[in-house]
Amino acid sequence: MDAKERVLEVLKQESTALSAGQIAEISGLDRKEVDKAMKLLKDEELIVSPKRCYWEAKK
């Protein structure tokens, strides 16, 4: 599983929006990997930001 899939999986499992730091902590990935994965997910419109610096999977 690559970083993008792992980040999306974490966001789908959590019921609340998470910051990149929280995603990195839960997934065990490096923060830089999480940031790159989140940029790709945002470009593909698979994640949304309900409030600044917090993200959740698009429903």
N, C-alpha and C. Protein backbone atom coordinates (compact mmCIF):
# COMPACT_ATOMS: atom_id res chain seq x y z
N MET A 1 0.85 -1.18 0.00
CA MET A 1 0.00 0.00 0.00
C MET A 1 0.89 1.24 0.00
N ASP A 2 0.61 2.14 -0.93
CA ASP A 2 1.42 3.35 -0.97
C ASP A 2 0.88 4.41 0.00
N ALA A 3 1.60 5.49 0.12
CA ALA A 3 1.26 6.53 1.11
C ALA A 3 -0.11 7.14 0.83
N LYS A 4 -0.42 7.36 -0.44
CA LYS A 4 -1.70 7.98 -0.80
C LYS A 4 -2.87 7.10 -0.34
N GLU A 5 -2.77 5.80 -0.59
CA GLU A 5 -3.82 4.87 -0.17
C GLU A 5 -3.93 4.81 1.35
N ARG A 6 -2.80 4.82 2.02
CA ARG A 6 -2.78 4.75 3.49
C ARG A 6 -3.43 5.99 4.10
N VAL A 7 -3.11 7.16 3.58
CA VAL A 7 -3.70 8.41 4.09
C VAL A 7 -5.21 8.39 3.88
N LEU A 8 -5.66 7.99 2.70
CA LEU A 8 -7.09 7.94 2.43
C LEU A 8 -7.79 6.94 3.34
N GLU A 9 -7.15 5.80 3.59
CA GLU A 9 -7.72 4.79 4.48
C GLU A 9 -7.89 5.36 5.91
N VAL A 10 -6.87 6.06 6.40
CA VAL A 10 -6.94 6.65 7.74
C VAL A 10 -8.09 7.66 7.81
N LEU A 11 -8.22 8.50 6.79
CA LEU A 11 -9.27 9.51 6.79
C LEU A 11 -10.67 8.88 6.73
N LYS A 12 -10.79 7.78 6.02
CA LYS A 12 -12.09 7.11 5.93
C LYS A 12 -12.45 6.43 7.26
N GLN A 13 -11.46 5.97 8.00
CA GLN A 13 -11.71 5.27 9.26
C GLN A 13 -12.10 6.22 10.39
N GLU A 14 -11.57 7.43 10.36
CA GLU A 14 -11.82 8.39 11.43
C GLU A 14 -13.14 9.13 11.20
N SER A 15 -13.83 9.41 12.28
CA SER A 15 -15.13 10.08 12.16
C SER A 15 -15.01 11.60 12.18
N THR A 16 -13.84 12.12 12.52
CA THR A 16 -13.63 13.56 12.55
C THR A 16 -12.52 13.96 11.59
N ALA A 17 -12.47 15.24 11.26
CA ALA A 17 -11.41 15.76 10.40
C ALA A 17 -10.08 15.73 11.16
N LEU A 18 -9.01 15.46 10.44
CA LEU A 18 -7.69 15.33 11.05
C LEU A 18 -6.69 16.28 10.41
N SER A 19 -5.71 16.69 11.19
CA SER A 19 -4.61 17.49 10.65
C SER A 19 -3.57 16.54 10.05
N ALA A 20 -2.66 17.10 9.27
CA ALA A 20 -1.62 16.27 8.65
C ALA A 20 -0.76 15.59 9.72
N GLY A 21 -0.49 16.29 10.82
CA GLY A 21 0.29 15.70 11.91
C GLY A 21 -0.40 14.51 12.54
N GLN A 22 -1.72 14.62 12.72
CA GLN A 22 -2.49 13.51 13.29
C GLN A 22 -2.50 12.33 12.33
N ILE A 23 -2.63 12.61 11.04
CA ILE A 23 -2.63 11.54 10.03
C ILE A 23 -1.29 10.82 10.04
N ALA A 24 -0.20 11.59 10.13
CA ALA A 24 1.14 11.00 10.17
C ALA A 24 1.31 10.11 11.39
N GLU A 25 0.81 10.57 12.53
CA GLU A 25 0.92 9.80 13.77
C GLU A 25 0.12 8.49 13.69
N ILE A 26 -1.09 8.56 13.19
CA ILE A 26 -1.95 7.38 13.11
C ILE A 26 -1.43 6.38 12.07
N SER A 27 -1.00 6.90 10.92
CA SER A 27 -0.59 6.02 9.82
C SER A 27 0.82 5.47 9.99
N GLY A 28 1.64 6.16 10.78
CA GLY A 28 3.03 5.74 10.94
C GLY A 28 3.92 6.21 9.80
N LEU A 29 3.38 7.06 8.92
CA LEU A 29 4.15 7.59 7.80
C LEU A 29 4.88 8.86 8.23
N ASP A 30 5.91 9.21 7.48
CA ASP A 30 6.63 10.46 7.70
C ASP A 30 5.74 11.63 7.29
N ARG A 31 5.85 12.74 7.98
CA ARG A 31 4.99 13.90 7.72
C ARG A 31 5.14 14.38 6.27
N LYS A 32 6.34 14.35 5.71
CA LYS A 32 6.54 14.79 4.32
C LYS A 32 5.80 13.88 3.35
N GLU A 33 5.79 12.57 3.63
CA GLU A 33 5.05 11.64 2.79
C GLU A 33 3.55 11.93 2.85
N VAL A 34 3.07 12.23 4.05
CA VAL A 34 1.65 12.55 4.24
C VAL A 34 1.30 13.81 3.46
N ASP A 35 2.14 14.83 3.53
CA ASP A 35 1.87 16.08 2.81
C ASP A 35 1.79 15.85 1.30
N LYS A 36 2.72 15.04 0.76
CA LYS A 36 2.70 14.75 -0.67
C LYS A 36 1.44 13.97 -1.05
N ALA A 37 1.09 12.98 -0.24
CA ALA A 37 -0.09 12.17 -0.51
C ALA A 37 -1.36 13.02 -0.45
N MET A 38 -1.42 13.91 0.53
CA MET A 38 -2.60 14.76 0.68
C MET A 38 -2.74 15.72 -0.50
N LYS A 39 -1.64 16.21 -1.04
CA LYS A 39 -1.71 17.08 -2.21
C LYS A 39 -2.30 16.32 -3.38
N LEU A 40 -1.87 15.08 -3.59
CA LEU A 40 -2.41 14.27 -4.68
C LEU A 40 -3.90 13.99 -4.47
N LEU A 41 -4.27 13.66 -3.24
CA LEU A 41 -5.67 13.37 -2.93
C LEU A 41 -6.53 14.62 -3.11
N LYS A 42 -6.00 15.78 -2.74
CA LYS A 42 -6.74 17.03 -2.91
C LYS A 42 -6.94 17.33 -4.40
N ASP A 43 -5.89 17.13 -5.20
CA ASP A 43 -5.98 17.36 -6.64
C ASP A 43 -7.00 16.43 -7.30
N GLU A 44 -7.13 15.22 -6.78
CA GLU A 44 -8.09 14.24 -7.30
C GLU A 44 -9.49 14.42 -6.67
N GLU A 45 -9.61 15.41 -5.77
CA GLU A 45 -10.86 15.72 -5.09
C GLU A 45 -11.41 14.54 -4.28
N LEU A 46 -10.51 13.79 -3.64
CA LEU A 46 -10.90 12.67 -2.79
C LEU A 46 -10.97 13.07 -1.32
N ILE A 47 -10.37 14.24 -0.99
CA ILE A 47 -10.45 14.74 0.38
C ILE A 47 -10.90 16.20 0.35
N VAL A 48 -11.53 16.62 1.43
CA VAL A 48 -12.00 18.01 1.55
C VAL A 48 -11.59 18.55 2.91
N SER A 49 -11.56 19.88 3.00
CA SER A 49 -11.18 20.54 4.24
C SER A 49 -12.39 21.27 4.82
N PRO A 50 -12.99 20.71 5.89
CA PRO A 50 -14.13 21.37 6.50
C PRO A 50 -13.75 22.62 7.30
N LYS A 51 -12.50 22.66 7.76
CA LYS A 51 -11.96 23.85 8.42
C LYS A 51 -10.47 23.89 8.15
N ARG A 52 -9.89 25.03 8.32
CA ARG A 52 -8.50 25.24 7.94
C ARG A 52 -7.55 24.23 8.60
N CYS A 53 -6.70 23.63 7.77
CA CYS A 53 -5.65 22.68 8.20
C CYS A 53 -6.20 21.34 8.68
N TYR A 54 -7.45 21.06 8.49
CA TYR A 54 -8.02 19.76 8.85
C TYR A 54 -8.68 19.16 7.62
N TRP A 55 -8.56 17.84 7.49
CA TRP A 55 -9.01 17.17 6.29
C TRP A 55 -9.85 15.95 6.63
N GLU A 56 -10.74 15.60 5.69
CA GLU A 56 -11.53 14.38 5.83
C GLU A 56 -11.80 13.84 4.43
N ALA A 57 -12.13 12.56 4.36
CA ALA A 57 -12.43 11.94 3.07
C ALA A 57 -13.74 12.50 2.55
N LYS A 58 -13.78 12.72 1.24
CA LYS A 58 -15.00 13.24 0.63
C LYS A 58 -16.07 12.16 0.68
N LYS A 59 -17.29 12.58 0.99
CA LYS A 59 -18.38 11.61 1.13
C LYS A 59 -19.19 11.52 -0.12
